[in-house]
Amino acid sequence: MGLNAMLASKDVALILEQVDSWQKKLSLFADTIDEWVGVQRDWMYLENIFSAEDICTQLPDEARKFQNVDADWNSTMRSVSLDPRALVCISEDKFGAPDKLLSLMRINKYVLEDVQKSLEAYLRVKREAFPRFYFLSNDELLEILAQATRNPRAVEKHLRKCFDAIGRLRFESQASFDENAKPDITAMHSTDGETVDFTAPVQAVGGVERWLLAIESMMRLTLCDRTGTTLADYPQDMSGDRSAWLKAGHPAQCVLLVDQMMWTRGATAALRELDLARANGTSTESAAKVNSLSDFAEFSDRQIKGMVKMVRERDIPKALRRTLGTLLTLDVHAKDTIDELATRSDEVGADHFDWQKQMRFYWISARKEGDGEAGSFESAAAGVAVRQANASFRYGFEYMGISFRLVVTPLTDKIYLTLTGALQIKNGGAPSGPAGTGKTETTKDLAKSMGRQCVVFNCQEGMDSKFMGQFFSGLASGGAWACFDEFNRIGIEVLSVIAQQVQTIQRGLINEQTRFDFEGSEIALSPNFGVFITMNPGYAGRTELPDNLKALFRPVACMVPDYRLIAEIILFSQGFDGASNLALKMTQLYTLSSEQLSSQSHYDFGMRAVKSVLMMAGRLKMQEPNTPENVLLIRALRDSNAPKFLSHDLPLFSRIIIDLFPGVTVPFVDYGELQAEIEGDLRRRGFQTVETFVNKVIQVHETMLVRHGMMLVGEAGSGKSTNLKT
């Protein structure tokens, strides 16, 4: 800049030659440095990749090109390190010509860019072979490709990004003494401790994408086979006792699926009986007597009571307890549905909308194409049909492990009905509403109901259309669902391109194409593709969706969920007898707290806070089954909420609890050993053992038991860091 200023001066004539010489030197050096930094960045990225033997074997031409650049780079760096003065690098003495280093860097940069293009093309081929690789970054995929050929177990580190619930695989080597022997994969282990043996072993031979694809197919086949076995074992007597069946060790997912199929079968039979009675001219009163709906409701009630009794047993395995909790959550809603239909037994039937709008599950035996009422489905193999209103789908058999399910409220039913209707006409779904109303969780739960893989993605302002194109390629070819959270945070110019991408995929689905042209390359198209977007309207920095994008999604508004119903069913599923009364008091407590306590930015009385209290209450019930239930709930409410309230709000919160639970005294938990250790640690570090501070350390400990993440809030010097260290 100084030299340019001198050149612009009228008085430069006397020293023009020197200024001109320096200006050329510095310009050359600036250009050299720019290219140098670019080459260094590419070399650092690729050096790590081509240091793996397997990648060099699979990309021999690119490896050779990189090795040539690598040799140039190393010799240049050695030469520079011997004399690191800047201008020497562009002197004739150093490399033979002033611009020799610049030319070398430009050539090497071009070669490295060419290598990167070839690498991208290679990764694209691998992703097309196994579409779940689209959800991995380039670095993660390269790590798998570099290691998995020699050591198949290296895949396990990245397995969760491909299969949501598979934590690891069981490898059984044919010859344990030979490290190079290719093992058989015989089972999948869920992240929550469940093991499901495969119907047949999968051999880990050939490219990693091939045997991962074989594992995906075997996962679906195994779950379908195990569902058939679970269905065959289902007790046929009308006593409602299913304890032996539940303890038989069937996979949790198959148990839930068979439970829903048997409920559908029983309810359909009861409704058809009513239809038949009306068709034969039986009076409404007589029809009510033969009415199977109230009989079926009683039968469901007996099943639920049997499961609640099992949940209260102390010695049942943890996995079975979780399965029972999920089963109760589904079955209580199923029974409520039947009770509601039974009150209108004079008008409802198998074709009535109040029954048709429920999500129904049917077992399809292996059949000839076009046979039976399930003839509209694409495969002749055995499976499960999922229906809701006029929408029909094949259950996807994506492994879910022992996952919790949402409590189905009228709002959940409405969202399900909208989203399944959207999928039937090949549209997307767009739930919108305030934070904490269950938009994302309901979409994920619908995916679990239909056995589909659902990838949740948090959108940000800086996302570009190229990245979204790659993501959509994976969804379309793999038949996965995506839920884009906070979709309207993406910039308007990118949203317009996304609209075009989604429209291309939807047009391919409507035309029933199996392959289609997407962004310049031909990829496979699965009919199971689904895309959903969630939005918080009215928030700062949110974009209004363009009209061409709005037209591709069916909107559904999510408002405040029914906290009382959700709390009641979750408490019931965790073995609480007085769930109705306790749920009412709990929701009343949150309503009064939100109205009467001071307004603080970190106070939360929404669904997330309710859920954490319910989980803590369930854990306390399991640990202390003989303690009165209202005492357990008060403890959960107090221990979960007290840590976040300011000192002047605590007495008011305690007063609300006393008003709602009159005459109940809740003893404070004795943290004897922990408290002694806390006080000892504080003394060792030269602090005083102030009671309020010790209690606050214990509260942090309790919060960590029920929350994934935590924030310590307070003014400077209030002891936040000391608390966490203690």
Foldseek 3Di string as FASTA:
>chain_A
DVLVVLVPDPPNVVVVVVSVVVVVLVVLLVLLVVLVVLLVVLLVVVVVLLVQPLSCVVVVVLNVLSVVLVVVVVVLVVLCVVPVDRSVCQDCVRQNHSNPSVVSSVVSSVSSVVSVVVLVVVVVVLCQLAVLCLQPDSVLVSQCQRPCQQPVQSCLVVVCSSAVFFNGWDWDFPDVVDSRGWTWTFWTAGPVGAIQGFPDTQTSHDGNSVSVVVVLVRLLVSLLVLLVVLLVPQDPDLQLACVCSLPVRRFLLSVLQSLQQVLLVQVQVQQAQLVVCVVVVHDPVVSLVVRSLVVVLVSLVSNLVNLLVVLLDQPDDPLSLLSLLQSLLVSVVSSVLSVVCSVVSVPGHNPDLSNQQDWHKHWQDQDDQQDDPPNVDDHSHTFMWIGGNHAIDTQDSRDDGSDHAARCDPQLSVQLSQQSVLLRLLFAAEEEEAPQLCPVRSVVRSCSVRNAAEAEAEDAAPDALVSVLSVVLSLFQVLHEYEYEQVQLYDQVRLVSVLVQSVQLSVCLVVVHQWDAGPHDIHGGDSNRYYYYYHYPPDPNGHDHDPSNVVRYDYDYGYATDQLSRQLSSLSSLNDPPSNLLSVLLLVLLVCLVVPADDDPPDDSHPVLSVLLSVQLSVVCSVCVPPDSLLSSVCSVCLSHVLVDDPVCVVVSVVSSCVSVPPDDHDDDCPPVVLVVLCVVCVVVPHHPDPVLSVSLVSVVSNVVRDPDDDDDDDPPPCPVVSVVD
